[in-house]
Amino acid sequence: METETIYQVQEVQWTEKTFVTKRDTVRFDRLSGFFTQAYGEIYTAIQNAGIRPMAEPFAIYYAIDEVRMETDLAAAVPVPEDFMIPAGFHPVTIPASKALYLSYYGGYENMTPAYAALEKHIAEHGYKKQWMLEQYFSDPEVEKDPAKWRTDIYFIVS
């Protein structure tokens, strides 16, 4: 018998972050390949510039189209705010804001209940979603057990 996971949504203060990003519209079934290539390019570029990332990588989701099974998103790596973004990449700065946050453990195909908990919290409190981000603490190429994959999900709200 399956049990339903209860997600505890927390309201937190998001600190301003600047990202080096690679943005595209990607079919759901091609996300893994997109992230592998985009993060590889980003990390190579910042390493060549002598910069260390400020935190684990993120994805910034601009739109999700469940009908077309695709998403407009960016692979994003936090860098110092004064970092000169290399050609072929785009800077994105998300200012200090209120955020809704939760940690999710598991495979990416099972994240719907976690997102539903965040959406419910928005509806119950009258917030407006500004940004939607995931921060990845596990590399599926290294950790093969999806139950150990940790993803922090943030909704930046006003």
N, C-alpha and C. Protein backbone atom coordinates (compact mmCIF):
# COMPACT_ATOMS: atom_id res chain seq x y z
N MET A 1 0.84 -1.18 0.00
CA MET A 1 0.00 0.00 0.00
C MET A 1 0.89 1.25 0.00
N GLU A 2 0.62 2.17 -0.94
CA GLU A 2 1.39 3.40 -1.03
C GLU A 2 0.88 4.42 -0.02
N THR A 3 1.80 5.16 0.55
CA THR A 3 1.40 6.23 1.46
C THR A 3 1.66 7.56 0.77
N GLU A 4 0.82 8.53 1.07
CA GLU A 4 0.97 9.86 0.49
C GLU A 4 1.98 10.66 1.32
N THR A 5 2.92 11.27 0.63
CA THR A 5 3.90 12.11 1.30
C THR A 5 3.28 13.47 1.60
N ILE A 6 3.43 13.94 2.81
CA ILE A 6 2.96 15.26 3.20
C ILE A 6 4.16 16.20 3.11
N TYR A 7 4.02 17.25 2.32
CA TYR A 7 5.11 18.21 2.15
C TYR A 7 4.88 19.41 3.04
N GLN A 8 5.91 19.78 3.77
CA GLN A 8 5.86 20.92 4.65
C GLN A 8 6.44 22.13 3.92
N VAL A 9 5.57 23.03 3.47
CA VAL A 9 6.00 24.23 2.78
C VAL A 9 6.47 25.24 3.82
N GLN A 10 7.65 25.80 3.60
CA GLN A 10 8.19 26.81 4.50
C GLN A 10 8.25 28.14 3.78
N GLU A 11 7.96 29.21 4.51
CA GLU A 11 8.16 30.56 3.98
C GLU A 11 9.54 31.00 4.45
N VAL A 12 10.39 31.36 3.49
CA VAL A 12 11.78 31.72 3.80
C VAL A 12 12.13 33.02 3.09
N GLN A 13 13.25 33.60 3.47
CA GLN A 13 13.77 34.78 2.80
C GLN A 13 14.80 34.33 1.78
N TRP A 14 14.54 34.60 0.52
CA TRP A 14 15.48 34.32 -0.57
C TRP A 14 16.51 35.44 -0.59
N THR A 15 17.77 35.11 -0.59
CA THR A 15 18.82 36.12 -0.72
C THR A 15 19.14 36.29 -2.20
N GLU A 16 19.43 37.53 -2.58
CA GLU A 16 19.71 37.81 -3.99
C GLU A 16 20.80 36.89 -4.51
N LYS A 17 20.56 36.36 -5.71
CA LYS A 17 21.53 35.49 -6.36
C LYS A 17 21.64 35.88 -7.83
N THR A 18 22.88 35.83 -8.33
CA THR A 18 23.15 36.04 -9.75
C THR A 18 23.58 34.70 -10.33
N PHE A 19 23.05 34.40 -11.50
CA PHE A 19 23.30 33.11 -12.15
C PHE A 19 23.89 33.31 -13.54
N VAL A 20 24.74 32.36 -13.94
CA VAL A 20 25.09 32.17 -15.34
C VAL A 20 24.10 31.15 -15.85
N THR A 21 23.41 31.45 -16.96
CA THR A 21 22.36 30.55 -17.42
C THR A 21 22.51 30.19 -18.89
N LYS A 22 21.92 29.06 -19.22
CA LYS A 22 21.76 28.58 -20.59
C LYS A 22 20.28 28.21 -20.71
N ARG A 23 19.54 28.97 -21.54
CA ARG A 23 18.08 28.84 -21.60
C ARG A 23 17.64 28.21 -22.93
N ASP A 24 16.58 27.40 -22.84
CA ASP A 24 16.00 26.79 -24.04
C ASP A 24 14.60 26.28 -23.71
N THR A 25 13.86 25.94 -24.75
CA THR A 25 12.59 25.23 -24.59
C THR A 25 12.87 23.78 -24.91
N VAL A 26 12.56 22.89 -23.96
CA VAL A 26 12.99 21.50 -24.04
C VAL A 26 11.81 20.57 -23.77
N ARG A 27 11.72 19.52 -24.57
CA ARG A 27 10.71 18.48 -24.31
C ARG A 27 11.08 17.76 -23.01
N PHE A 28 10.06 17.34 -22.27
CA PHE A 28 10.29 16.67 -21.00
C PHE A 28 11.25 15.48 -21.15
N ASP A 29 11.10 14.71 -22.22
CA ASP A 29 11.92 13.52 -22.40
C ASP A 29 13.36 13.83 -22.80
N ARG A 30 13.67 15.11 -22.99
CA ARG A 30 15.04 15.50 -23.35
C ARG A 30 15.71 16.37 -22.27
N LEU A 31 15.08 16.48 -21.13
CA LEU A 31 15.63 17.33 -20.07
C LEU A 31 16.99 16.84 -19.57
N SER A 32 17.14 15.56 -19.39
CA SER A 32 18.41 15.03 -18.88
C SER A 32 19.56 15.41 -19.81
N GLY A 33 19.38 15.23 -21.11
CA GLY A 33 20.42 15.59 -22.06
C GLY A 33 20.70 17.08 -22.08
N PHE A 34 19.63 17.89 -21.98
CA PHE A 34 19.80 19.34 -21.93
C PHE A 34 20.65 19.74 -20.72
N PHE A 35 20.28 19.22 -19.54
CA PHE A 35 21.01 19.58 -18.32
C PHE A 35 22.47 19.12 -18.39
N THR A 36 22.71 17.91 -18.87
CA THR A 36 24.09 17.41 -18.97
C THR A 36 24.93 18.34 -19.83
N GLN A 37 24.41 18.71 -20.99
CA GLN A 37 25.17 19.58 -21.89
C GLN A 37 25.31 21.00 -21.33
N ALA A 38 24.19 21.58 -20.88
CA ALA A 38 24.21 22.97 -20.42
C ALA A 38 25.09 23.15 -19.18
N TYR A 39 24.94 22.27 -18.19
CA TYR A 39 25.79 22.41 -17.00
C TYR A 39 27.26 22.18 -17.34
N GLY A 40 27.53 21.24 -18.23
CA GLY A 40 28.92 21.03 -18.66
C GLY A 40 29.51 22.29 -19.26
N GLU A 41 28.75 22.96 -20.13
CA GLU A 41 29.23 24.20 -20.74
C GLU A 41 29.40 25.32 -19.71
N ILE A 42 28.42 25.44 -18.81
CA ILE A 42 28.50 26.51 -17.81
C ILE A 42 29.69 26.29 -16.88
N TYR A 43 29.83 25.07 -16.35
CA TYR A 43 30.93 24.82 -15.41
C TYR A 43 32.28 24.97 -16.09
N THR A 44 32.40 24.58 -17.34
CA THR A 44 33.65 24.78 -18.07
C THR A 44 33.95 26.26 -18.21
N ALA A 45 32.96 27.06 -18.56
CA ALA A 45 33.16 28.50 -18.74
C ALA A 45 33.55 29.19 -17.44
N ILE A 46 32.88 28.87 -16.34
CA ILE A 46 33.23 29.55 -15.09
C ILE A 46 34.57 29.06 -14.54
N GLN A 47 34.87 27.78 -14.76
CA GLN A 47 36.17 27.26 -14.33
C GLN A 47 37.29 27.93 -15.13
N ASN A 48 37.09 28.09 -16.43
CA ASN A 48 38.09 28.76 -17.27
C ASN A 48 38.30 30.21 -16.85
N ALA A 49 37.28 30.82 -16.25
CA ALA A 49 37.38 32.19 -15.77
C ALA A 49 37.96 32.26 -14.34
N GLY A 50 38.23 31.09 -13.76
CA GLY A 50 38.81 31.06 -12.42
C GLY A 50 37.80 31.32 -11.32
N ILE A 51 36.53 31.08 -11.60
CA ILE A 51 35.46 31.34 -10.63
C ILE A 51 34.91 30.02 -10.10
N ARG A 52 34.61 30.00 -8.82
CA ARG A 52 33.94 28.86 -8.21
C ARG A 52 32.46 29.18 -8.09
N PRO A 53 31.59 28.20 -8.35
CA PRO A 53 30.15 28.46 -8.17
C PRO A 53 29.85 28.78 -6.71
N MET A 54 28.83 29.60 -6.51
CA MET A 54 28.46 30.02 -5.16
C MET A 54 27.60 28.97 -4.43
N ALA A 55 27.03 28.02 -5.17
CA ALA A 55 26.17 26.98 -4.58
C ALA A 55 25.93 25.90 -5.64
N GLU A 56 25.18 24.88 -5.26
CA GLU A 56 24.82 23.81 -6.19
C GLU A 56 23.97 24.39 -7.33
N PRO A 57 23.90 23.66 -8.45
CA PRO A 57 23.19 24.18 -9.62
C PRO A 57 21.67 24.25 -9.42
N PHE A 58 21.07 25.14 -10.20
CA PHE A 58 19.62 25.35 -10.20
C PHE A 58 19.08 25.14 -11.62
N ALA A 59 17.78 25.03 -11.68
CA ALA A 59 17.03 25.21 -12.93
C ALA A 59 16.03 26.31 -12.65
N ILE A 60 15.88 27.22 -13.59
CA ILE A 60 14.88 28.27 -13.50
C ILE A 60 13.81 27.93 -14.53
N TYR A 61 12.58 27.74 -14.07
CA TYR A 61 11.48 27.39 -14.96
C TYR A 61 10.65 28.63 -15.26
N TYR A 62 10.57 28.98 -16.53
CA TYR A 62 9.80 30.14 -16.97
C TYR A 62 8.38 29.75 -17.34
N ALA A 63 8.21 28.57 -17.93
CA ALA A 63 6.89 28.07 -18.32
C ALA A 63 6.95 26.56 -18.45
N ILE A 64 5.87 25.91 -18.08
CA ILE A 64 5.75 24.46 -18.22
C ILE A 64 4.47 24.20 -19.00
N ASP A 65 4.59 23.52 -20.11
CA ASP A 65 3.44 23.21 -20.96
C ASP A 65 3.18 21.71 -20.90
N GLU A 66 2.20 21.34 -20.07
CA GLU A 66 1.87 19.92 -19.87
C GLU A 66 1.25 19.30 -21.13
N VAL A 67 0.59 20.10 -21.96
CA VAL A 67 -0.03 19.60 -23.18
C VAL A 67 1.04 19.25 -24.22
N ARG A 68 1.96 20.18 -24.44
CA ARG A 68 3.03 19.96 -25.42
C ARG A 68 4.18 19.15 -24.85
N MET A 69 4.13 18.91 -23.50
CA MET A 69 5.17 18.13 -22.82
C MET A 69 6.54 18.77 -23.00
N GLU A 70 6.59 20.11 -22.76
CA GLU A 70 7.85 20.83 -22.87
C GLU A 70 7.88 21.96 -21.86
N THR A 71 9.08 22.47 -21.63
CA THR A 71 9.25 23.55 -20.68
C THR A 71 10.27 24.56 -21.19
N ASP A 72 10.01 25.82 -20.91
CA ASP A 72 10.96 26.90 -21.15
C ASP A 72 11.72 27.05 -19.85
N LEU A 73 13.01 26.76 -19.87
CA LEU A 73 13.79 26.74 -18.64
C LEU A 73 15.23 27.14 -18.91
N ALA A 74 15.95 27.35 -17.82
CA ALA A 74 17.38 27.65 -17.91
C ALA A 74 18.13 26.80 -16.90
N ALA A 75 19.23 26.20 -17.34
CA ALA A 75 20.20 25.63 -16.42
C ALA A 75 20.92 26.85 -15.83
N ALA A 76 21.10 26.87 -14.52
CA ALA A 76 21.60 28.08 -13.86
C ALA A 76 22.58 27.72 -12.76
N VAL A 77 23.71 28.42 -12.75
CA VAL A 77 24.72 28.20 -11.72
C VAL A 77 24.99 29.54 -11.04
N PRO A 78 24.84 29.61 -9.71
CA PRO A 78 25.08 30.88 -9.01
C PRO A 78 26.56 31.25 -9.00
N VAL A 79 26.81 32.53 -9.29
CA VAL A 79 28.17 33.07 -9.35
C VAL A 79 28.20 34.41 -8.61
N PRO A 80 29.40 34.92 -8.31
CA PRO A 80 29.46 36.25 -7.70
C PRO A 80 28.77 37.29 -8.59
N GLU A 81 28.13 38.28 -7.98
CA GLU A 81 27.34 39.25 -8.75
C GLU A 81 28.17 40.06 -9.73
N ASP A 82 29.45 40.22 -9.48
CA ASP A 82 30.29 41.02 -10.38
C ASP A 82 30.97 40.18 -11.47
N PHE A 83 30.59 38.91 -11.57
CA PHE A 83 31.19 38.02 -12.56
C PHE A 83 30.81 38.46 -13.97
N MET A 84 31.81 38.53 -14.85
CA MET A 84 31.56 38.88 -16.25
C MET A 84 31.05 37.62 -16.97
N ILE A 85 29.80 37.65 -17.38
CA ILE A 85 29.18 36.48 -17.99
C ILE A 85 29.82 36.23 -19.36
N PRO A 86 30.32 35.01 -19.60
CA PRO A 86 30.96 34.71 -20.89
C PRO A 86 29.95 34.75 -22.05
N ALA A 87 30.47 34.97 -23.24
CA ALA A 87 29.64 34.96 -24.45
C ALA A 87 28.93 33.61 -24.56
N GLY A 88 27.69 33.65 -25.02
CA GLY A 88 26.91 32.43 -25.19
C GLY A 88 26.06 32.08 -23.98
N PHE A 89 26.20 32.84 -22.90
CA PHE A 89 25.43 32.61 -21.68
C PHE A 89 24.72 33.90 -21.31
N HIS A 90 23.76 33.79 -20.40
CA HIS A 90 22.99 34.96 -20.01
C HIS A 90 23.00 35.11 -18.49
N PRO A 91 23.12 36.34 -18.01
CA PRO A 91 23.02 36.56 -16.57
C PRO A 91 21.55 36.67 -16.15
N VAL A 92 21.24 36.14 -15.00
CA VAL A 92 19.92 36.32 -14.39
C VAL A 92 20.17 36.62 -12.92
N THR A 93 19.58 37.71 -12.44
CA THR A 93 19.66 38.03 -11.02
C THR A 93 18.25 37.99 -10.45
N ILE A 94 18.08 37.21 -9.41
CA ILE A 94 16.80 37.14 -8.71
C ILE A 94 17.01 37.86 -7.39
N PRO A 95 16.29 38.99 -7.21
CA PRO A 95 16.51 39.82 -6.02
C PRO A 95 16.02 39.16 -4.73
N ALA A 96 16.46 39.71 -3.62
CA ALA A 96 15.98 39.25 -2.32
C ALA A 96 14.47 39.36 -2.29
N SER A 97 13.82 38.31 -1.81
CA SER A 97 12.37 38.22 -1.87
C SER A 97 11.87 37.21 -0.84
N LYS A 98 10.56 37.18 -0.71
CA LYS A 98 9.92 36.10 0.05
C LYS A 98 9.87 34.89 -0.87
N ALA A 99 10.08 33.70 -0.29
CA ALA A 99 10.03 32.47 -1.09
C ALA A 99 9.30 31.39 -0.32
N LEU A 100 8.66 30.51 -1.08
CA LEU A 100 8.12 29.28 -0.53
C LEU A 100 9.12 28.20 -0.89
N TYR A 101 9.34 27.28 0.02
CA TYR A 101 10.41 26.31 -0.15
C TYR A 101 10.00 24.97 0.41
N LEU A 102 10.45 23.90 -0.26
CA LEU A 102 10.39 22.56 0.31
C LEU A 102 11.47 21.71 -0.31
N SER A 103 11.88 20.67 0.41
CA SER A 103 12.84 19.69 -0.10
C SER A 103 12.07 18.47 -0.56
N TYR A 104 12.47 17.98 -1.73
CA TYR A 104 11.86 16.80 -2.32
C TYR A 104 12.95 15.75 -2.49
N TYR A 105 12.63 14.51 -2.15
CA TYR A 105 13.54 13.38 -2.38
C TYR A 105 12.86 12.40 -3.31
N GLY A 106 13.54 12.06 -4.39
CA GLY A 106 12.99 11.06 -5.31
C GLY A 106 13.25 11.41 -6.75
N GLY A 107 12.70 10.56 -7.63
CA GLY A 107 12.84 10.75 -9.07
C GLY A 107 12.04 11.95 -9.55
N TYR A 108 12.52 12.56 -10.60
CA TYR A 108 11.92 13.79 -11.10
C TYR A 108 10.51 13.58 -11.64
N GLU A 109 10.21 12.39 -12.09
CA GLU A 109 8.88 12.13 -12.65
C GLU A 109 7.78 12.08 -11.59
N ASN A 110 8.16 12.09 -10.31
CA ASN A 110 7.17 11.99 -9.23
C ASN A 110 7.04 13.28 -8.41
N MET A 111 7.42 14.42 -9.00
CA MET A 111 7.43 15.67 -8.25
C MET A 111 6.07 16.38 -8.17
N THR A 112 5.09 15.91 -8.89
CA THR A 112 3.80 16.60 -8.96
C THR A 112 3.20 16.91 -7.59
N PRO A 113 3.17 15.97 -6.63
CA PRO A 113 2.60 16.31 -5.32
C PRO A 113 3.36 17.43 -4.59
N ALA A 114 4.67 17.49 -4.77
CA ALA A 114 5.45 18.56 -4.13
C ALA A 114 5.05 19.91 -4.73
N TYR A 115 4.93 19.97 -6.04
CA TYR A 115 4.50 21.21 -6.69
C TYR A 115 3.07 21.57 -6.30
N ALA A 116 2.22 20.56 -6.17
CA ALA A 116 0.83 20.81 -5.77
C ALA A 116 0.77 21.44 -4.37
N ALA A 117 1.64 20.99 -3.47
CA ALA A 117 1.68 21.57 -2.11
C ALA A 117 2.07 23.04 -2.16
N LEU A 118 3.05 23.38 -3.01
CA LEU A 118 3.46 24.78 -3.15
C LEU A 118 2.34 25.62 -3.77
N GLU A 119 1.70 25.10 -4.80
CA GLU A 119 0.59 25.82 -5.44
C GLU A 119 -0.57 26.03 -4.47
N LYS A 120 -0.85 25.03 -3.66
CA LYS A 120 -1.92 25.15 -2.66
C LYS A 120 -1.59 26.25 -1.65
N HIS A 121 -0.34 26.31 -1.22
CA HIS A 121 0.09 27.34 -0.27
C HIS A 121 -0.07 28.74 -0.88
N ILE A 122 0.27 28.88 -2.15
CA ILE A 122 0.09 30.16 -2.85
C ILE A 122 -1.38 30.56 -2.84
N ALA A 123 -2.24 29.62 -3.21
CA ALA A 123 -3.68 29.90 -3.27
C ALA A 123 -4.25 30.26 -1.90
N GLU A 124 -3.83 29.55 -0.88
CA GLU A 124 -4.35 29.79 0.48
C GLU A 124 -3.90 31.13 1.06
N HIS A 125 -2.75 31.64 0.61
CA HIS A 125 -2.20 32.86 1.18
C HIS A 125 -2.24 34.06 0.24
N GLY A 126 -2.79 33.87 -0.95
CA GLY A 126 -2.96 34.99 -1.88
C GLY A 126 -1.67 35.51 -2.48
N TYR A 127 -0.65 34.67 -2.55
CA TYR A 127 0.61 35.09 -3.15
C TYR A 127 0.54 35.05 -4.67
N LYS A 128 1.48 35.76 -5.28
CA LYS A 128 1.65 35.71 -6.73
C LYS A 128 3.05 35.15 -7.00
N LYS A 129 3.11 34.09 -7.81
CA LYS A 129 4.39 33.46 -8.12
C LYS A 129 5.17 34.32 -9.11
N GLN A 130 6.42 34.61 -8.78
CA GLN A 130 7.31 35.40 -9.64
C GLN A 130 8.32 34.53 -10.37
N TRP A 131 8.90 33.58 -9.66
CA TRP A 131 9.94 32.69 -10.18
C TRP A 131 9.70 31.30 -9.64
N MET A 132 10.11 30.31 -10.41
CA MET A 132 10.02 28.92 -9.99
C MET A 132 11.39 28.28 -10.24
N LEU A 133 12.02 27.76 -9.17
CA LEU A 133 13.37 27.22 -9.28
C LEU A 133 13.48 25.87 -8.59
N GLU A 134 14.39 25.07 -9.10
CA GLU A 134 14.79 23.83 -8.45
C GLU A 134 16.30 23.91 -8.24
N GLN A 135 16.75 23.46 -7.07
CA GLN A 135 18.18 23.38 -6.80
C GLN A 135 18.51 21.91 -6.59
N TYR A 136 19.56 21.46 -7.30
CA TYR A 136 19.90 20.04 -7.33
C TYR A 136 21.11 19.75 -6.46
N PHE A 137 20.93 18.81 -5.53
CA PHE A 137 22.00 18.41 -4.63
C PHE A 137 22.54 17.03 -4.97
N SER A 138 21.95 16.39 -5.96
CA SER A 138 22.36 15.05 -6.35
C SER A 138 22.59 15.01 -7.85
N ASP A 139 23.57 14.27 -8.26
CA ASP A 139 23.86 14.08 -9.67
C ASP A 139 23.42 12.67 -10.06
N PRO A 140 22.35 12.55 -10.86
CA PRO A 140 21.87 11.21 -11.24
C PRO A 140 22.91 10.37 -11.99
N GLU A 141 23.93 11.01 -12.56
CA GLU A 141 25.01 10.27 -13.22
C GLU A 141 25.88 9.57 -12.18
N VAL A 142 25.92 10.12 -10.95
CA VAL A 142 26.75 9.57 -9.89
C VAL A 142 25.92 8.72 -8.93
N GLU A 143 24.82 9.29 -8.43
CA GLU A 143 23.93 8.58 -7.50
C GLU A 143 22.81 7.92 -8.31
N LYS A 144 22.84 6.61 -8.39
CA LYS A 144 21.88 5.89 -9.25
C LYS A 144 20.53 5.65 -8.56
N ASP A 145 20.45 5.77 -7.25
CA ASP A 145 19.21 5.51 -6.52
C ASP A 145 18.38 6.79 -6.43
N PRO A 146 17.27 6.88 -7.21
CA PRO A 146 16.45 8.09 -7.19
C PRO A 146 15.91 8.46 -5.81
N ALA A 147 15.73 7.50 -4.93
CA ALA A 147 15.22 7.79 -3.58
C ALA A 147 16.18 8.70 -2.81
N LYS A 148 17.43 8.77 -3.23
CA LYS A 148 18.43 9.59 -2.55
C LYS A 148 18.63 10.95 -3.22
N TRP A 149 17.93 11.20 -4.32
CA TRP A 149 18.08 12.48 -5.02
C TRP A 149 17.34 13.57 -4.26
N ARG A 150 18.04 14.62 -3.90
CA ARG A 150 17.43 15.76 -3.19
C ARG A 150 17.32 16.94 -4.14
N THR A 151 16.12 17.50 -4.20
CA THR A 151 15.86 18.70 -4.97
C THR A 151 15.13 19.67 -4.06
N ASP A 152 15.67 20.88 -3.90
CA ASP A 152 14.96 21.93 -3.18
C ASP A 152 14.19 22.74 -4.19
N ILE A 153 12.92 22.95 -3.93
CA ILE A 153 12.06 23.69 -4.84
C ILE A 153 11.72 25.02 -4.19
N TYR A 154 11.88 26.10 -4.96
CA TYR A 154 11.58 27.45 -4.49
C TYR A 154 10.57 28.10 -5.42
N PHE A 155 9.57 28.71 -4.85
CA PHE A 155 8.68 29.62 -5.56
C PHE A 155 8.96 31.00 -4.98
N ILE A 156 9.49 31.90 -5.75
CA ILE A 156 9.68 33.28 -5.32
C ILE A 156 8.33 33.96 -5.48
N VAL A 157 7.83 34.58 -4.41
CA VAL A 157 6.46 35.09 -4.41
C VAL A 157 6.42 36.56 -3.97
N SER A 158 5.31 37.19 -4.32
CA SER A 158 5.05 38.55 -3.83
C SER A 158 3.65 38.59 -3.27
